[in-house]
Amino acid sequence: MHVKKDSGSIYYPLPAPSAGGWLFRHNNEQRRNAQQRRNA
């Protein structure tokens, strides 16, 4: 994955499909964490 360093430690994935993939993984993490809290 191509990564552009900008504004200190903030990383923006490039190209756009990579950014979409990051958001998809992030949303999956959020959903999995929510399910674990419900099951707990």
C-alpha atoms as a PDB file:
ATOM      1  CA  MET A   1       0.000   0.000   0.000  1.00  0.00           C
ATOM      2  CA  HIS A   2       1.326   3.428  -0.917  1.00  0.00           C
ATOM      3  CA  VAL A   3       1.346   5.779   2.063  1.00  0.00           C
ATOM      4  CA  LYS A   4       1.829   9.528   2.025  1.00  0.00           C
ATOM      5  CA  LYS A   5       3.162  11.143   5.201  1.00  0.00           C
ATOM      6  CA  ASP A   6       1.458  14.445   5.954  1.00  0.00           C
ATOM      7  CA  SER A   7       0.866  16.718   8.959  1.00  0.00           C
ATOM      8  CA  GLY A   8       3.288  14.940  11.306  1.00  0.00           C
ATOM      9  CA  SER A   9       2.115  11.441  12.211  1.00  0.00           C
ATOM     10  CA  ILE A  10      -1.143  11.467  10.224  1.00  0.00           C
ATOM     11  CA  TYR A  11      -1.020   8.942   7.374  1.00  0.00           C
ATOM     12  CA  TYR A  12      -3.310   9.002   4.355  1.00  0.00           C
ATOM     13  CA  PRO A  13      -3.500   5.711   2.423  1.00  0.00           C
ATOM     14  CA  LEU A  14      -3.132   6.054  -1.356  1.00  0.00           C
ATOM     15  CA  PRO A  15      -4.653   5.437  -3.810  1.00  0.00           C
ATOM     16  CA  ALA A  16      -8.378   5.902  -3.068  1.00  0.00           C
ATOM     17  CA  PRO A  17      -9.139   2.116  -3.115  1.00  0.00           C
ATOM     18  CA  SER A  18      -6.624   1.698  -0.299  1.00  0.00           C
ATOM     19  CA  ALA A  19      -8.430   4.365   1.714  1.00  0.00           C
ATOM     20  CA  GLY A  20     -11.708   2.535   1.073  1.00  0.00           C
ATOM     21  CA  GLY A  21     -10.096  -0.707   2.234  1.00  0.00           C
ATOM     22  CA  TRP A  22      -8.907   0.994   5.417  1.00  0.00           C
ATOM     23  CA  LEU A  23     -12.409   2.298   6.139  1.00  0.00           C
ATOM     24  CA  PHE A  24     -13.851  -1.162   5.445  1.00  0.00           C
ATOM     25  CA  ARG A  25     -11.434  -2.799   7.915  1.00  0.00           C
ATOM     26  CA  HIS A  26     -12.106  -0.059  10.475  1.00  0.00           C
ATOM     27  CA  ASN A  27     -15.874  -0.550  10.187  1.00  0.00           C
ATOM     28  CA  ASN A  28     -15.450  -4.314  10.592  1.00  0.00           C
ATOM     29  CA  GLU A  29     -13.393  -3.732  13.763  1.00  0.00           C
ATOM     30  CA  GLN A  30     -16.078  -1.426  15.178  1.00  0.00           C
ATOM     31  CA  ARG A  31     -18.827  -3.944  14.378  1.00  0.00           C
ATOM     32  CA  ARG A  32     -16.870  -6.864  15.875  1.00  0.00           C
ATOM     33  CA  ASN A  33     -16.154  -4.867  19.037  1.00  0.00           C
ATOM     34  CA  ALA A  34     -19.844  -3.972  19.367  1.00  0.00           C
ATOM     35  CA  GLN A  35     -20.833  -7.634  19.016  1.00  0.00           C
ATOM     36  CA  GLN A  36     -18.319  -8.655  21.683  1.00  0.00           C
ATOM     37  CA  ARG A  37     -19.747  -6.049  24.076  1.00  0.00           C
ATOM     38  CA  ARG A  38     -23.284  -7.343  23.463  1.00  0.00           C
ATOM     39  CA  ASN A  39     -22.221 -10.945  24.000  1.00  0.00           C
ATOM     40  CA  ALA A  40     -20.280 -10.129  27.161  1.00  0.00           C
END
